Amino acid sequence: MKFLKLIRYQNLLMLAFMQLLFRYAFLKQQNIPLALSDWQYGLLVLSTVLLAAAGYVINNIHDVATDTINKPEDVVIGKGISETAGYNIYVALNVTGVALGFILSNIISKPGFASLFILIATLLYFYATSLKQIMILGNFVVALLLSISVLIIGVFDLFPVTNAENQPEMASFFSILTDYALFAFMINFIREIIKDIEDVNGDYNQGMNTLPIAIGISRAAKIALALAVISFIVCLLYSNTYFFQNNLFFATFYAFALILAPLLYFIMKIFSAKSQKDFHHLSTVLKLILFFGILSILIINLNIKYNA
């Protein structure tokens, strides 16, 4: 159980679910060639999950002092798993994840793609050791890595089988993946700011320079609010353009009920948020918005199928 807590298995399950959803609820339902077989796609999912798990481990190792103040119940290193064991687990997960990525890249005859897995592992390491202490930059990197986990699907499953004949069609599917990657980036970027506000006491004691420490909790919350309003407007326009105007009424209802309404709730609640508990609640709301946003790819596909 300590190991599962160390790698934050709930987040890993959500990551795997997201990647499987895009493959089997979306791409597999289209009449297009895919570069990866089922077991090869399984390697892609496993590789990204292992690298994410390694990122959580190294983050937990470097966050012991901060978490002891902010979330003492979540501290694992030194309480069941030693720091040395933590580093060994980190190395094992990273080496396995990168090795699987290297194997997969060679299977599709794109050995250069292996550098993407090395880049992910490197960014996660530097985030845990230094970048998260830099205002905004750490938030940006975490949000970027989540969006990469969506884009990597197109890089490995669509790009290798794209040719002159099917390029326009494949580009449209890659564009859809890009839309979801941008959505994931926006919501997760806001969530990272909220988490920084939630953890401000421990971060301040460790000498970090996160956004709420640099400009204050109130101003940081206003920035999160502004970003949430922008995200709400973008999602509203997107739903109108691609769902409502194409008579995808169930998808439109889904977007309003489980993405736009919670976003509006977040915007309203952040005005009165004061305590750590309030910001933790808002972080959970954003996590649910992200989950239901990703799940919408299934709803849209079903809506198109049964409208046809």
C-alpha atoms as a PDB file:
ATOM      1  CA  MET A   1       0.000   0.000   0.000  1.00  0.00           C
ATOM      2  CA  LYS A   2       2.906   2.368   0.736  1.00  0.00           C
ATOM      3  CA  PHE A   3       4.259   1.741  -2.762  1.00  0.00           C
ATOM      4  CA  LEU A   4       0.883   2.491  -4.372  1.00  0.00           C
ATOM      5  CA  LYS A   5       0.671   5.696  -2.359  1.00  0.00           C
ATOM      6  CA  LEU A   6       4.212   6.610  -3.399  1.00  0.00           C
ATOM      7  CA  ILE A   7       3.422   6.364  -7.125  1.00  0.00           C
ATOM      8  CA  ARG A   8      -0.059   7.923  -6.705  1.00  0.00           C
ATOM      9  CA  TYR A   9      -1.779   5.041  -8.412  1.00  0.00           C
ATOM     10  CA  GLN A  10      -5.127   6.851  -8.754  1.00  0.00           C
ATOM     11  CA  ASN A  11      -3.536   9.435 -11.060  1.00  0.00           C
ATOM     12  CA  LEU A  12      -1.777   6.686 -13.019  1.00  0.00           C
ATOM     13  CA  LEU A  13      -5.060   4.831 -13.516  1.00  0.00           C
ATOM     14  CA  MET A  14      -6.626   8.045 -14.826  1.00  0.00           C
ATOM     15  CA  LEU A  15      -3.710   8.542 -17.228  1.00  0.00           C
ATOM     16  CA  ALA A  16      -3.994   4.963 -18.537  1.00  0.00           C
ATOM     17  CA  PHE A  17      -7.781   5.269 -18.811  1.00  0.00           C
ATOM     18  CA  MET A  18      -7.409   8.481 -20.812  1.00  0.00           C
ATOM     19  CA  GLN A  19      -4.981   6.954 -23.311  1.00  0.00           C
ATOM     20  CA  LEU A  20      -7.065   3.777 -23.700  1.00  0.00           C
ATOM     21  CA  LEU A  21     -10.192   5.877 -24.179  1.00  0.00           C
ATOM     22  CA  PHE A  22      -8.695   7.878 -27.038  1.00  0.00           C
ATOM     23  CA  ARG A  23      -7.537   4.683 -28.756  1.00  0.00           C
ATOM     24  CA  TYR A  24     -10.573   2.420 -28.348  1.00  0.00           C
ATOM     25  CA  ALA A  25     -13.463   4.881 -28.003  1.00  0.00           C
ATOM     26  CA  PHE A  26     -12.234   7.220 -30.741  1.00  0.00           C
ATOM     27  CA  LEU A  27      -9.434   6.217 -33.132  1.00  0.00           C
ATOM     28  CA  LYS A  28     -10.449   2.540 -33.373  1.00  0.00           C
ATOM     29  CA  GLN A  29     -13.996   3.592 -34.285  1.00  0.00           C
ATOM     30  CA  GLN A  30     -12.812   5.491 -37.360  1.00  0.00           C
ATOM     31  CA  ASN A  31     -12.105   3.963 -40.739  1.00  0.00           C
ATOM     32  CA  ILE A  32      -8.408   4.814 -40.680  1.00  0.00           C
ATOM     33  CA  PRO A  33      -5.170   2.816 -40.457  1.00  0.00           C
ATOM     34  CA  LEU A  34      -3.336   2.826 -37.127  1.00  0.00           C
ATOM     35  CA  ALA A  35       0.392   2.242 -36.718  1.00  0.00           C
ATOM     36  CA  LEU A  36       0.240   0.219 -33.506  1.00  0.00           C
ATOM     37  CA  SER A  37      -1.262  -3.169 -32.800  1.00  0.00           C
ATOM     38  CA  ASP A  38      -3.142  -3.615 -29.515  1.00  0.00           C
ATOM     39  CA  TRP A  39      -0.137  -5.015 -27.633  1.00  0.00           C
ATOM     40  CA  GLN A  40       2.124  -2.296 -29.034  1.00  0.00           C
ATOM     41  CA  TYR A  41      -0.310   0.369 -27.897  1.00  0.00           C
ATOM     42  CA  GLY A  42      -0.278  -1.347 -24.510  1.00  0.00           C
ATOM     43  CA  LEU A  43       3.492  -0.762 -24.442  1.00  0.00           C
ATOM     44  CA  LEU A  44       2.923   2.930 -25.145  1.00  0.00           C
ATOM     45  CA  VAL A  45       0.449   3.228 -22.279  1.00  0.00           C
ATOM     46  CA  LEU A  46       2.702   1.245 -19.935  1.00  0.00           C
ATOM     47  CA  SER A  47       5.719   3.359 -20.830  1.00  0.00           C
ATOM     48  CA  THR A  48       3.973   6.672 -20.144  1.00  0.00           C
ATOM     49  CA  VAL A  49       2.486   5.328 -16.905  1.00  0.00           C
ATOM     50  CA  LEU A  50       5.905   4.131 -15.694  1.00  0.00           C
ATOM     51  CA  LEU A  51       7.504   7.497 -16.483  1.00  0.00           C
ATOM     52  CA  ALA A  52       4.681   9.313 -14.694  1.00  0.00           C
ATOM     53  CA  ALA A  53       5.096   6.982 -11.706  1.00  0.00           C
ATOM     54  CA  ALA A  54       8.839   7.745 -11.650  1.00  0.00           C
ATOM     55  CA  GLY A  55       7.973  11.452 -11.679  1.00  0.00           C
ATOM     56  CA  TYR A  56       5.713  11.031  -8.644  1.00  0.00           C
ATOM     57  CA  VAL A  57       8.424   9.093  -6.803  1.00  0.00           C
ATOM     58  CA  ILE A  58      11.162  11.703  -7.326  1.00  0.00           C
ATOM     59  CA  ASN A  59       8.677  14.435  -6.471  1.00  0.00           C
ATOM     60  CA  ASN A  60       7.755  12.695  -3.210  1.00  0.00           C
ATOM     61  CA  ILE A  61      11.438  12.289  -2.315  1.00  0.00           C
ATOM     62  CA  HIS A  62      12.083  16.019  -2.738  1.00  0.00           C
ATOM     63  CA  ASP A  63       8.776  17.052  -1.164  1.00  0.00           C
ATOM     64  CA  VAL A  64       9.169  15.348   2.224  1.00  0.00           C
ATOM     65  CA  ALA A  65       9.800  18.585   4.132  1.00  0.00           C
ATOM     66  CA  THR A  66       6.998  20.452   2.349  1.00  0.00           C
ATOM     67  CA  ASP A  67       4.476  17.614   2.643  1.00  0.00           C
ATOM     68  CA  THR A  68       5.275  17.197   6.345  1.00  0.00           C
ATOM     69  CA  ILE A  69       3.739  20.668   6.795  1.00  0.00           C
ATOM     70  CA  ASN A  70       1.047  20.649   4.102  1.00  0.00           C
ATOM     71  CA  LYS A  71      -0.063  17.001   3.975  1.00  0.00           C
ATOM     72  CA  PRO A  72       1.626  14.950   6.726  1.00  0.00           C
ATOM     73  CA  GLU A  73      -0.710  12.018   6.069  1.00  0.00           C
ATOM     74  CA  ASP A  74       0.621  11.751   2.493  1.00  0.00           C
ATOM     75  CA  VAL A  75       4.304  11.455   3.434  1.00  0.00           C
ATOM     76  CA  VAL A  76       5.631   8.020   2.439  1.00  0.00           C
ATOM     77  CA  ILE A  77       9.406   8.480   2.166  1.00  0.00           C
ATOM     78  CA  GLY A  78      10.879   7.800   5.590  1.00  0.00           C
ATOM     79  CA  LYS A  79       7.613   6.209   6.739  1.00  0.00           C
ATOM     80  CA  GLY A  80       7.685   2.706   5.349  1.00  0.00           C
ATOM     81  CA  ILE A  81       9.896   3.377   2.325  1.00  0.00           C
ATOM     82  CA  SER A  82      13.420   4.697   2.855  1.00  0.00           C
ATOM     83  CA  GLU A  83      14.912   7.454   0.707  1.00  0.00           C
ATOM     84  CA  THR A  84      17.417   4.970  -0.743  1.00  0.00           C
ATOM     85  CA  ALA A  85      14.634   2.562  -1.676  1.00  0.00           C
ATOM     86  CA  GLY A  86      12.728   5.489  -3.181  1.00  0.00           C
ATOM     87  CA  TYR A  87      15.656   6.379  -5.442  1.00  0.00           C
ATOM     88  CA  ASN A  88      16.012   2.719  -6.489  1.00  0.00           C
ATOM     89  CA  ILE A  89      12.310   2.583  -7.377  1.00  0.00           C
ATOM     90  CA  TYR A  90      12.664   5.852  -9.301  1.00  0.00           C
ATOM     91  CA  VAL A  91      15.585   4.561 -11.369  1.00  0.00           C
ATOM     92  CA  ALA A  92      13.861   1.230 -12.068  1.00  0.00           C
ATOM     93  CA  LEU A  93      10.640   2.885 -13.232  1.00  0.00           C
ATOM     94  CA  ASN A  94      12.482   5.412 -15.400  1.00  0.00           C
ATOM     95  CA  VAL A  95      14.815   2.891 -17.029  1.00  0.00           C
ATOM     96  CA  THR A  96      11.913   0.526 -17.786  1.00  0.00           C
ATOM     97  CA  GLY A  97       9.724   3.324 -19.162  1.00  0.00           C
ATOM     98  CA  VAL A  98      12.438   4.726 -21.439  1.00  0.00           C
ATOM     99  CA  ALA A  99      13.460   1.213 -22.564  1.00  0.00           C
ATOM    100  CA  LEU A 100       9.860   0.403 -23.561  1.00  0.00           C
ATOM    101  CA  GLY A 101       9.708   3.695 -25.455  1.00  0.00           C
ATOM    102  CA  PHE A 102      12.950   2.825 -27.263  1.00  0.00           C
ATOM    103  CA  ILE A 103      11.593  -0.628 -28.210  1.00  0.00           C
ATOM    104  CA  LEU A 104       8.318   0.868 -29.428  1.00  0.00           C
ATOM    105  CA  SER A 105      10.086   3.542 -31.476  1.00  0.00           C
ATOM    106  CA  ASN A 106      12.112   0.881 -33.253  1.00  0.00           C
ATOM    107  CA  ILE A 107       9.039  -1.287 -33.852  1.00  0.00           C
ATOM    108  CA  ILE A 108       7.447   1.530 -35.880  1.00  0.00           C
ATOM    109  CA  SER A 109      10.810   2.298 -37.551  1.00  0.00           C
ATOM    110  CA  LYS A 110      11.046   5.731 -35.948  1.00  0.00           C
ATOM    111  CA  PRO A 111      14.029   5.340 -33.553  1.00  0.00           C
ATOM    112  CA  GLY A 112      14.264   9.109 -33.119  1.00  0.00           C
ATOM    113  CA  PHE A 113      10.899   9.086 -31.343  1.00  0.00           C
ATOM    114  CA  ALA A 114      12.622   7.482 -28.335  1.00  0.00           C
ATOM    115  CA  SER A 115      13.974  10.934 -27.476  1.00  0.00           C
ATOM    116  CA  LEU A 116      10.425  11.939 -26.521  1.00  0.00           C
ATOM    117  CA  PHE A 117      10.471   9.492 -23.596  1.00  0.00           C
ATOM    118  CA  ILE A 118      13.883  10.756 -22.500  1.00  0.00           C
ATOM    119  CA  LEU A 119      12.535  14.320 -22.662  1.00  0.00           C
ATOM    120  CA  ILE A 120       9.542  13.400 -20.477  1.00  0.00           C
ATOM    121  CA  ALA A 121      11.776  11.705 -17.874  1.00  0.00           C
ATOM    122  CA  THR A 122      14.167  14.674 -17.887  1.00  0.00           C
ATOM    123  CA  LEU A 123      11.414  17.269 -17.472  1.00  0.00           C
ATOM    124  CA  LEU A 124       9.878  15.310 -14.594  1.00  0.00           C
ATOM    125  CA  TYR A 125      13.261  15.122 -12.843  1.00  0.00           C
ATOM    126  CA  PHE A 126      14.025  18.816 -13.221  1.00  0.00           C
ATOM    127  CA  TYR A 127      10.482  19.710 -12.199  1.00  0.00           C
ATOM    128  CA  ALA A 128      10.875  17.804  -8.924  1.00  0.00           C
ATOM    129  CA  THR A 129      14.360  19.116  -8.185  1.00  0.00           C
ATOM    130  CA  SER A 130      14.181  22.760  -9.288  1.00  0.00           C
ATOM    131  CA  LEU A 131      11.507  23.915 -11.754  1.00  0.00           C
ATOM    132  CA  LYS A 132       8.577  23.682  -9.320  1.00  0.00           C
ATOM    133  CA  GLN A 133      10.300  26.300  -7.160  1.00  0.00           C
ATOM    134  CA  ILE A 134      10.203  28.814 -10.028  1.00  0.00           C
ATOM    135  CA  MET A 135       7.071  30.948 -10.330  1.00  0.00           C
ATOM    136  CA  ILE A 136       4.733  29.794 -13.142  1.00  0.00           C
ATOM    137  CA  LEU A 137       7.415  27.695 -14.883  1.00  0.00           C
ATOM    138  CA  GLY A 138       6.772  24.618 -12.734  1.00  0.00           C
ATOM    139  CA  ASN A 139       3.006  24.921 -13.295  1.00  0.00           C
ATOM    140  CA  PHE A 140       3.585  25.246 -17.042  1.00  0.00           C
ATOM    141  CA  VAL A 141       5.803  22.131 -17.200  1.00  0.00           C
ATOM    142  CA  VAL A 142       3.292  19.907 -15.362  1.00  0.00           C
ATOM    143  CA  ALA A 143       0.426  21.086 -17.575  1.00  0.00           C
ATOM    144  CA  LEU A 144       2.592  20.602 -20.674  1.00  0.00           C
ATOM    145  CA  LEU A 145       3.476  17.031 -19.709  1.00  0.00           C
ATOM    146  CA  LEU A 146      -0.190  16.095 -19.388  1.00  0.00           C
ATOM    147  CA  SER A 147      -0.915  17.527 -22.835  1.00  0.00           C
ATOM    148  CA  ILE A 148       2.060  15.573 -24.246  1.00  0.00           C
ATOM    149  CA  SER A 149       0.487  12.353 -22.928  1.00  0.00           C
ATOM    150  CA  VAL A 150      -2.437  13.087 -25.288  1.00  0.00           C
ATOM    151  CA  LEU A 151      -0.358  14.199 -28.267  1.00  0.00           C
ATOM    152  CA  ILE A 152       1.935  11.174 -27.992  1.00  0.00           C
ATOM    153  CA  ILE A 153      -1.029   9.034 -29.114  1.00  0.00           C
ATOM    154  CA  GLY A 154      -1.096  10.819 -32.461  1.00  0.00           C
ATOM    155  CA  VAL A 155       2.692  10.797 -32.767  1.00  0.00           C
ATOM    156  CA  PHE A 156       2.889   7.001 -32.426  1.00  0.00           C
ATOM    157  CA  ASP A 157      -0.469   5.813 -33.787  1.00  0.00           C
ATOM    158  CA  LEU A 158      -1.256   8.274 -36.603  1.00  0.00           C
ATOM    159  CA  PHE A 159       1.923   9.915 -37.858  1.00  0.00           C
ATOM    160  CA  PRO A 160       3.771   6.700 -38.937  1.00  0.00           C
ATOM    161  CA  VAL A 161       0.901   5.673 -41.249  1.00  0.00           C
ATOM    162  CA  THR A 162       0.194   9.143 -42.667  1.00  0.00           C
ATOM    163  CA  ASN A 163       0.877   9.529 -46.379  1.00  0.00           C
ATOM    164  CA  ALA A 164       0.017  11.906 -49.206  1.00  0.00           C
ATOM    165  CA  GLU A 165      -3.360  10.238 -49.844  1.00  0.00           C
ATOM    166  CA  ASN A 166      -4.701  10.227 -46.282  1.00  0.00           C
ATOM    167  CA  GLN A 167      -2.911  13.310 -44.939  1.00  0.00           C
ATOM    168  CA  PRO A 168      -5.997  15.605 -44.786  1.00  0.00           C
ATOM    169  CA  GLU A 169      -8.042  12.950 -42.965  1.00  0.00           C
ATOM    170  CA  MET A 170      -5.249  12.067 -40.534  1.00  0.00           C
ATOM    171  CA  ALA A 171      -4.584  15.756 -39.909  1.00  0.00           C
ATOM    172  CA  SER A 172      -8.205  16.227 -38.837  1.00  0.00           C
ATOM    173  CA  PHE A 173      -7.908  13.428 -36.269  1.00  0.00           C
ATOM    174  CA  PHE A 174      -4.599  14.779 -35.012  1.00  0.00           C
ATOM    175  CA  SER A 175      -6.295  18.172 -34.734  1.00  0.00           C
ATOM    176  CA  ILE A 176      -8.944  16.664 -32.455  1.00  0.00           C
ATOM    177  CA  LEU A 177      -6.220  15.178 -30.242  1.00  0.00           C
ATOM    178  CA  THR A 178      -4.569  18.617 -30.199  1.00  0.00           C
ATOM    179  CA  ASP A 179      -7.840  20.213 -29.064  1.00  0.00           C
ATOM    180  CA  TYR A 180      -8.036  17.789 -26.138  1.00  0.00           C
ATOM    181  CA  ALA A 181      -4.354  18.338 -25.343  1.00  0.00           C
ATOM    182  CA  LEU A 182      -4.976  22.099 -25.154  1.00  0.00           C
ATOM    183  CA  PHE A 183      -8.027  21.526 -22.940  1.00  0.00           C
ATOM    184  CA  ALA A 184      -5.974  19.307 -20.619  1.00  0.00           C
ATOM    185  CA  PHE A 185      -3.236  21.951 -20.544  1.00  0.00           C
ATOM    186  CA  MET A 186      -5.625  24.787 -19.651  1.00  0.00           C
ATOM    187  CA  ILE A 187      -7.428  22.969 -16.844  1.00  0.00           C
ATOM    188  CA  ASN A 188      -4.303  21.428 -15.381  1.00  0.00           C
ATOM    189  CA  PHE A 189      -2.432  24.748 -15.483  1.00  0.00           C
ATOM    190  CA  ILE A 190      -5.197  26.371 -13.438  1.00  0.00           C
ATOM    191  CA  ARG A 191      -5.207  23.396 -11.074  1.00  0.00           C
ATOM    192  CA  GLU A 192      -1.469  23.670 -10.487  1.00  0.00           C
ATOM    193  CA  ILE A 193      -1.913  27.299  -9.432  1.00  0.00           C
ATOM    194  CA  ILE A 194      -4.711  26.299  -7.055  1.00  0.00           C
ATOM    195  CA  LYS A 195      -2.524  23.524  -5.599  1.00  0.00           C
ATOM    196  CA  ASP A 196       0.264  26.071  -5.041  1.00  0.00           C
ATOM    197  CA  ILE A 197      -2.197  28.253  -3.117  1.00  0.00           C
ATOM    198  CA  GLU A 198      -3.293  25.210  -1.112  1.00  0.00           C
ATOM    199  CA  ASP A 199       0.332  24.333  -0.278  1.00  0.00           C
ATOM    200  CA  VAL A 200       1.572  27.874   0.283  1.00  0.00           C
ATOM    201  CA  ASN A 201       2.613  27.392   3.932  1.00  0.00           C
ATOM    202  CA  GLY A 202       4.900  24.429   3.346  1.00  0.00           C
ATOM    203  CA  ASP A 203       6.297  25.914   0.129  1.00  0.00           C
ATOM    204  CA  TYR A 204       7.095  29.207   1.881  1.00  0.00           C
ATOM    205  CA  ASN A 205       8.966  27.409   4.676  1.00  0.00           C
ATOM    206  CA  GLN A 206      11.088  25.623   2.045  1.00  0.00           C
ATOM    207  CA  GLY A 207      12.046  28.863   0.325  1.00  0.00           C
ATOM    208  CA  MET A 208      10.092  28.229  -2.881  1.00  0.00           C
ATOM    209  CA  ASN A 209       8.979  31.058  -5.151  1.00  0.00           C
ATOM    210  CA  THR A 210       5.582  29.875  -6.337  1.00  0.00           C
ATOM    211  CA  LEU A 211       3.006  32.320  -7.675  1.00  0.00           C
ATOM    212  CA  PRO A 212       1.025  32.794  -4.397  1.00  0.00           C
ATOM    213  CA  ILE A 213       4.286  33.325  -2.483  1.00  0.00           C
ATOM    214  CA  ALA A 214       5.569  35.880  -5.003  1.00  0.00           C
ATOM    215  CA  ILE A 215       2.388  37.943  -5.463  1.00  0.00           C
ATOM    216  CA  GLY A 216       0.127  36.801  -2.621  1.00  0.00           C
ATOM    217  CA  ILE A 217      -2.756  34.336  -2.360  1.00  0.00           C
ATOM    218  CA  SER A 218      -5.416  36.877  -3.365  1.00  0.00           C
ATOM    219  CA  ARG A 219      -3.671  37.931  -6.587  1.00  0.00           C
ATOM    220  CA  ALA A 220      -2.799  34.321  -7.476  1.00  0.00           C
ATOM    221  CA  ALA A 221      -6.471  33.375  -7.022  1.00  0.00           C
ATOM    222  CA  LYS A 222      -7.466  36.242  -9.337  1.00  0.00           C
ATOM    223  CA  ILE A 223      -5.089  34.939 -12.009  1.00  0.00           C
ATOM    224  CA  ALA A 224      -6.631  31.464 -11.640  1.00  0.00           C
ATOM    225  CA  LEU A 225     -10.057  33.090 -11.912  1.00  0.00           C
ATOM    226  CA  ALA A 226      -9.100  34.954 -15.106  1.00  0.00           C
ATOM    227  CA  LEU A 227      -7.723  31.757 -16.661  1.00  0.00           C
ATOM    228  CA  ALA A 228     -10.899  29.890 -15.676  1.00  0.00           C
ATOM    229  CA  VAL A 229     -13.076  32.562 -17.327  1.00  0.00           C
ATOM    230  CA  ILE A 230     -10.997  32.313 -20.504  1.00  0.00           C
ATOM    231  CA  SER A 231     -11.284  28.499 -20.417  1.00  0.00           C
ATOM    232  CA  PHE A 232     -15.052  28.760 -19.905  1.00  0.00           C
ATOM    233  CA  ILE A 233     -15.443  31.062 -22.919  1.00  0.00           C
ATOM    234  CA  VAL A 234     -13.230  28.848 -25.109  1.00  0.00           C
ATOM    235  CA  CYS A 235     -15.147  25.684 -24.118  1.00  0.00           C
ATOM    236  CA  LEU A 236     -18.487  27.457 -24.650  1.00  0.00           C
ATOM    237  CA  LEU A 237     -17.514  28.586 -28.153  1.00  0.00           C
ATOM    238  CA  TYR A 238     -16.076  25.154 -28.960  1.00  0.00           C
ATOM    239  CA  SER A 239     -19.279  23.396 -27.809  1.00  0.00           C
ATOM    240  CA  ASN A 240     -21.423  25.740 -29.890  1.00  0.00           C
ATOM    241  CA  THR A 241     -19.264  25.439 -33.025  1.00  0.00           C
ATOM    242  CA  TYR A 242     -18.595  21.708 -33.033  1.00  0.00           C
ATOM    243  CA  PHE A 243     -21.483  20.188 -31.063  1.00  0.00           C
ATOM    244  CA  PHE A 244     -24.598  22.382 -31.185  1.00  0.00           C
ATOM    245  CA  GLN A 245     -24.217  23.576 -34.792  1.00  0.00           C
ATOM    246  CA  ASN A 246     -23.653  19.964 -35.911  1.00  0.00           C
ATOM    247  CA  ASN A 247     -26.828  18.802 -34.135  1.00  0.00           C
ATOM    248  CA  LEU A 248     -24.890  16.798 -31.551  1.00  0.00           C
ATOM    249  CA  PHE A 249     -27.405  17.700 -28.875  1.00  0.00           C
ATOM    250  CA  PHE A 250     -26.473  14.993 -26.377  1.00  0.00           C
ATOM    251  CA  ALA A 251     -22.811  16.000 -26.604  1.00  0.00           C
ATOM    252  CA  THR A 252     -23.886  19.636 -26.172  1.00  0.00           C
ATOM    253  CA  PHE A 253     -25.893  18.760 -23.053  1.00  0.00           C
ATOM    254  CA  TYR A 254     -22.972  16.722 -21.713  1.00  0.00           C
ATOM    255  CA  ALA A 255     -20.573  19.620 -22.233  1.00  0.00           C
ATOM    256  CA  PHE A 256     -22.886  22.062 -20.476  1.00  0.00           C
ATOM    257  CA  ALA A 257     -23.710  19.737 -17.562  1.00  0.00           C
ATOM    258  CA  LEU A 258     -20.302  18.210 -16.804  1.00  0.00           C
ATOM    259  CA  ILE A 259     -17.736  20.711 -18.122  1.00  0.00           C
ATOM    260  CA  LEU A 260     -19.195  24.215 -18.418  1.00  0.00           C
ATOM    261  CA  ALA A 261     -21.424  24.087 -15.315  1.00  0.00           C
ATOM    262  CA  PRO A 262     -18.587  22.845 -13.046  1.00  0.00           C
ATOM    263  CA  LEU A 263     -16.279  25.498 -14.548  1.00  0.00           C
ATOM    264  CA  LEU A 264     -18.882  28.147 -13.740  1.00  0.00           C
ATOM    265  CA  TYR A 265     -19.159  26.683 -10.222  1.00  0.00           C
ATOM    266  CA  PHE A 266     -15.373  26.975  -9.866  1.00  0.00           C
ATOM    267  CA  ILE A 267     -15.478  30.607 -11.019  1.00  0.00           C
ATOM    268  CA  MET A 268     -18.169  31.435  -8.459  1.00  0.00           C
ATOM    269  CA  LYS A 269     -16.572  29.543  -5.550  1.00  0.00           C
ATOM    270  CA  ILE A 270     -13.071  30.966  -5.978  1.00  0.00           C
ATOM    271  CA  PHE A 271     -14.402  34.401  -4.964  1.00  0.00           C
ATOM    272  CA  SER A 272     -15.103  33.126  -1.443  1.00  0.00           C
ATOM    273  CA  ALA A 273     -12.228  30.638  -1.149  1.00  0.00           C
ATOM    274  CA  LYS A 274     -10.027  31.434   1.844  1.00  0.00           C
ATOM    275  CA  SER A 275      -8.868  28.280   3.622  1.00  0.00           C
ATOM    276  CA  GLN A 276      -6.673  25.373   2.560  1.00  0.00           C
ATOM    277  CA  LYS A 277      -9.816  23.224   2.595  1.00  0.00           C
ATOM    278  CA  ASP A 278     -11.557  25.608   0.166  1.00  0.00           C
ATOM    279  CA  PHE A 279      -8.692  25.459  -2.326  1.00  0.00           C
ATOM    280  CA  HIS A 280      -8.418  21.676  -1.978  1.00  0.00           C
ATOM    281  CA  HIS A 281     -12.109  21.481  -2.901  1.00  0.00           C
ATOM    282  CA  LEU A 282     -11.525  23.692  -5.959  1.00  0.00           C
ATOM    283  CA  SER A 283      -8.586  21.494  -6.990  1.00  0.00           C
ATOM    284  CA  THR A 284     -10.881  18.451  -6.841  1.00  0.00           C
ATOM    285  CA  VAL A 285     -13.497  20.253  -8.953  1.00  0.00           C
ATOM    286  CA  LEU A 286     -10.886  20.943 -11.642  1.00  0.00           C
ATOM    287  CA  LYS A 287      -9.763  17.316 -11.553  1.00  0.00           C
ATOM    288  CA  LEU A 288     -13.356  16.217 -12.190  1.00  0.00           C
ATOM    289  CA  ILE A 289     -13.693  18.745 -15.029  1.00  0.00           C
ATOM    290  CA  LEU A 290     -10.546  17.299 -16.578  1.00  0.00           C
ATOM    291  CA  PHE A 291     -11.873  13.745 -16.225  1.00  0.00           C
ATOM    292  CA  PHE A 292     -15.284  14.503 -17.722  1.00  0.00           C
ATOM    293  CA  GLY A 293     -13.657  16.595 -20.431  1.00  0.00           C
ATOM    294  CA  ILE A 294     -11.521  13.660 -21.544  1.00  0.00           C
ATOM    295  CA  LEU A 295     -14.517  11.296 -21.248  1.00  0.00           C
ATOM    296  CA  SER A 296     -16.427  13.518 -23.670  1.00  0.00           C
ATOM    297  CA  ILE A 297     -14.570  11.893 -26.597  1.00  0.00           C
ATOM    298  CA  LEU A 298     -16.640   8.752 -25.925  1.00  0.00           C
ATOM    299  CA  ILE A 299     -19.877  10.731 -25.638  1.00  0.00           C
ATOM    300  CA  ILE A 300     -19.205  12.618 -28.879  1.00  0.00           C
ATOM    301  CA  ASN A 301     -18.407   9.410 -30.752  1.00  0.00           C
ATOM    302  CA  LEU A 302     -21.600   7.742 -29.494  1.00  0.00           C
ATOM    303  CA  ASN A 303     -23.636  10.818 -30.372  1.00  0.00           C
ATOM    304  CA  ILE A 304     -22.254  10.846 -33.925  1.00  0.00           C
ATOM    305  CA  LYS A 305     -22.818   7.086 -34.288  1.00  0.00           C
ATOM    306  CA  TYR A 306     -26.452   7.125 -33.212  1.00  0.00           C
ATOM    307  CA  ASN A 307     -27.251  10.373 -35.029  1.00  0.00           C
ATOM    308  CA  ALA A 308     -26.040   8.896 -38.312  1.00  0.00           C
END
